[in-house]
């Protein structure tokens, strides 16, 4: 297992899929934002994968441990939010995870991201 200081220079496709699989298996994240709306990568922009973290700080601790276990580089400028480099050379889809993404009303539905099944949340 990697430590928090063992960050990888980039993730291969297989490493990225394993990272996503662990996030999905944690059952404490929901896909929100452009991927949940089906509007990702419109007009050639590189959309990030927004993950709403359930259980606030406890959930963020789990998410950070998954990032660290996979050697994923991340940064946090505010409490309750982490983000990977916004660079397609680092990983196929940049990832942001936060418990600050507050979703009030909507529905949960299954969604595949990079071949990995997640639960997504779309506001009504």
Protein backbone atom coordinates (compact mmCIF):
# COMPACT_ATOMS: atom_id res chain seq x y z
CA UNK A 1 0.00 0.00 0.00
CA UNK A 2 1.21 3.50 -0.81
CA UNK A 3 1.59 6.18 1.81
CA UNK A 4 0.32 9.75 1.48
CA UNK A 5 3.79 10.82 0.33
CA UNK A 6 3.95 8.23 -2.49
CA UNK A 7 2.11 10.19 -5.15
CA UNK A 8 2.18 8.83 -8.68
CA UNK A 9 3.34 11.01 -11.59
CA UNK A 10 0.22 9.84 -13.51
CA UNK A 11 -2.36 7.06 -13.38
CA UNK A 12 -2.64 4.40 -16.07
CA UNK A 13 -6.12 3.51 -17.31
CA UNK A 14 -6.12 0.39 -15.12
CA UNK A 15 -4.99 2.36 -12.05
CA UNK A 16 -7.64 5.00 -12.71
CA UNK A 17 -10.36 2.32 -12.99
CA UNK A 18 -9.21 0.72 -9.71
CA UNK A 19 -9.32 4.16 -8.06
CA UNK A 20 -12.88 4.75 -9.33
CA UNK A 21 -13.94 1.24 -8.29
CA UNK A 22 -12.80 1.87 -4.71
CA UNK A 23 -14.59 5.22 -4.61
CA UNK A 24 -17.81 3.62 -5.89
CA UNK A 25 -17.46 0.64 -3.52
CA UNK A 26 -17.17 3.00 -0.55
CA UNK A 27 -20.85 3.90 -1.08
CA UNK A 28 -20.21 7.36 0.39
CA UNK A 29 -20.03 9.29 -2.88
CA UNK A 30 -22.63 10.25 -5.48
CA UNK A 31 -21.82 11.55 -8.94
CA UNK A 32 -23.21 15.06 -9.42
CA UNK A 33 -22.52 17.90 -11.84
CA UNK A 34 -22.00 17.51 -15.56
CA UNK A 35 -21.59 13.71 -15.51
CA UNK A 36 -24.90 13.31 -13.66
CA UNK A 37 -26.57 15.72 -16.10
CA UNK A 38 -25.00 14.03 -19.15
CA UNK A 39 -23.39 17.30 -20.26
CA UNK A 40 -19.73 16.42 -19.71
CA UNK A 41 -17.03 17.40 -22.20
CA UNK A 42 -19.30 19.63 -24.28
CA UNK A 43 -17.51 21.82 -26.82
CA UNK A 44 -14.18 20.13 -26.23
CA UNK A 45 -13.81 21.09 -22.58
CA UNK A 46 -12.35 18.60 -20.11
CA UNK A 47 -15.07 18.07 -17.52
CA UNK A 48 -14.15 16.90 -14.07
CA UNK A 49 -16.00 14.19 -12.20
CA UNK A 50 -17.81 15.83 -9.29
CA UNK A 51 -18.41 13.51 -6.34
CA UNK A 52 -20.73 14.56 -3.54
CA UNK A 53 -19.33 13.07 -0.33
CA UNK A 54 -21.91 11.82 2.14
CA UNK A 55 -21.32 11.91 5.91
CA UNK A 56 -19.34 15.18 5.81
CA UNK A 57 -15.94 15.01 7.56
CA UNK A 58 -16.11 11.27 8.22
CA UNK A 59 -16.81 10.71 4.53
CA UNK A 60 -14.01 13.05 3.47
CA UNK A 61 -11.56 11.09 5.61
CA UNK A 62 -12.57 7.91 3.76
CA UNK A 63 -12.28 9.63 0.37
CA UNK A 64 -8.84 11.04 1.19
CA UNK A 65 -7.68 7.60 2.33
CA UNK A 66 -8.79 6.15 -1.03
CA UNK A 67 -6.94 8.92 -2.91
CA UNK A 68 -3.82 8.23 -0.81
CA UNK A 69 -4.06 4.43 -1.13
CA UNK A 70 -3.97 4.81 -4.92
CA UNK A 71 -1.17 7.39 -4.89
CA UNK A 72 -3.49 10.02 -6.36
CA UNK A 73 -2.21 13.57 -6.18
CA UNK A 74 -4.75 15.90 -4.62
CA UNK A 75 -5.00 19.39 -3.26
CA UNK A 76 -7.43 21.11 -0.95
CA UNK A 77 -7.88 24.85 -0.74
CA UNK A 78 -10.95 24.72 1.49
CA UNK A 79 -12.17 22.32 4.17
CA UNK A 80 -14.50 19.66 2.79
CA UNK A 81 -13.13 19.63 -0.76
CA UNK A 82 -10.31 17.82 -2.57
CA UNK A 83 -9.35 17.93 -6.24
CA UNK A 84 -6.91 16.11 -8.50
CA UNK A 85 -4.84 17.94 -11.10
CA UNK A 86 -7.02 19.16 -13.96
CA UNK A 87 -4.85 17.49 -16.56
CA UNK A 88 -5.81 14.66 -18.92
CA UNK A 89 -2.16 13.58 -18.94
CA UNK A 90 -2.34 12.88 -15.19
CA UNK A 91 -5.58 10.87 -15.20
CA UNK A 92 -8.30 10.40 -17.83
CA UNK A 93 -10.91 12.38 -15.86
CA UNK A 94 -10.04 14.96 -13.20
CA UNK A 95 -11.89 14.27 -9.94
CA UNK A 96 -13.30 16.68 -7.36
CA UNK A 97 -14.85 15.35 -4.16
CA UNK A 98 -16.66 17.47 -1.61
CA UNK A 99 -19.33 17.39 1.03
CA UNK A 100 -20.03 21.02 0.11
CA UNK A 101 -21.99 19.91 -2.99
CA UNK A 102 -25.38 20.16 -1.27
CA UNK A 103 -28.18 18.59 -3.22
CA UNK A 104 -31.61 19.35 -1.80
CA UNK A 105 -34.15 17.52 -3.93
CA UNK A 106 -33.69 15.11 -6.75
CA UNK A 107 -33.29 11.48 -7.58
CA UNK A 108 -30.56 8.87 -7.35
CA UNK A 109 -29.92 6.66 -10.36
CA UNK A 110 -27.23 4.23 -11.60
CA UNK A 111 -24.55 5.69 -13.85
CA UNK A 112 -21.41 4.21 -15.36
CA UNK A 113 -18.29 6.38 -15.40
CA UNK A 114 -15.30 5.00 -17.26
CA UNK A 115 -16.95 1.58 -17.06
CA UNK A 116 -17.39 1.77 -13.27
CA UNK A 117 -20.93 1.69 -11.84
CA UNK A 118 -21.76 4.56 -9.47
CA UNK A 119 -24.87 6.03 -7.98
CA UNK A 120 -25.52 9.50 -9.34
CA UNK A 121 -27.71 12.28 -8.04
CA UNK A 122 -29.53 14.66 -10.33
CA UNK A 123 -31.37 17.64 -8.98
CA UNK A 124 -34.95 18.08 -10.14
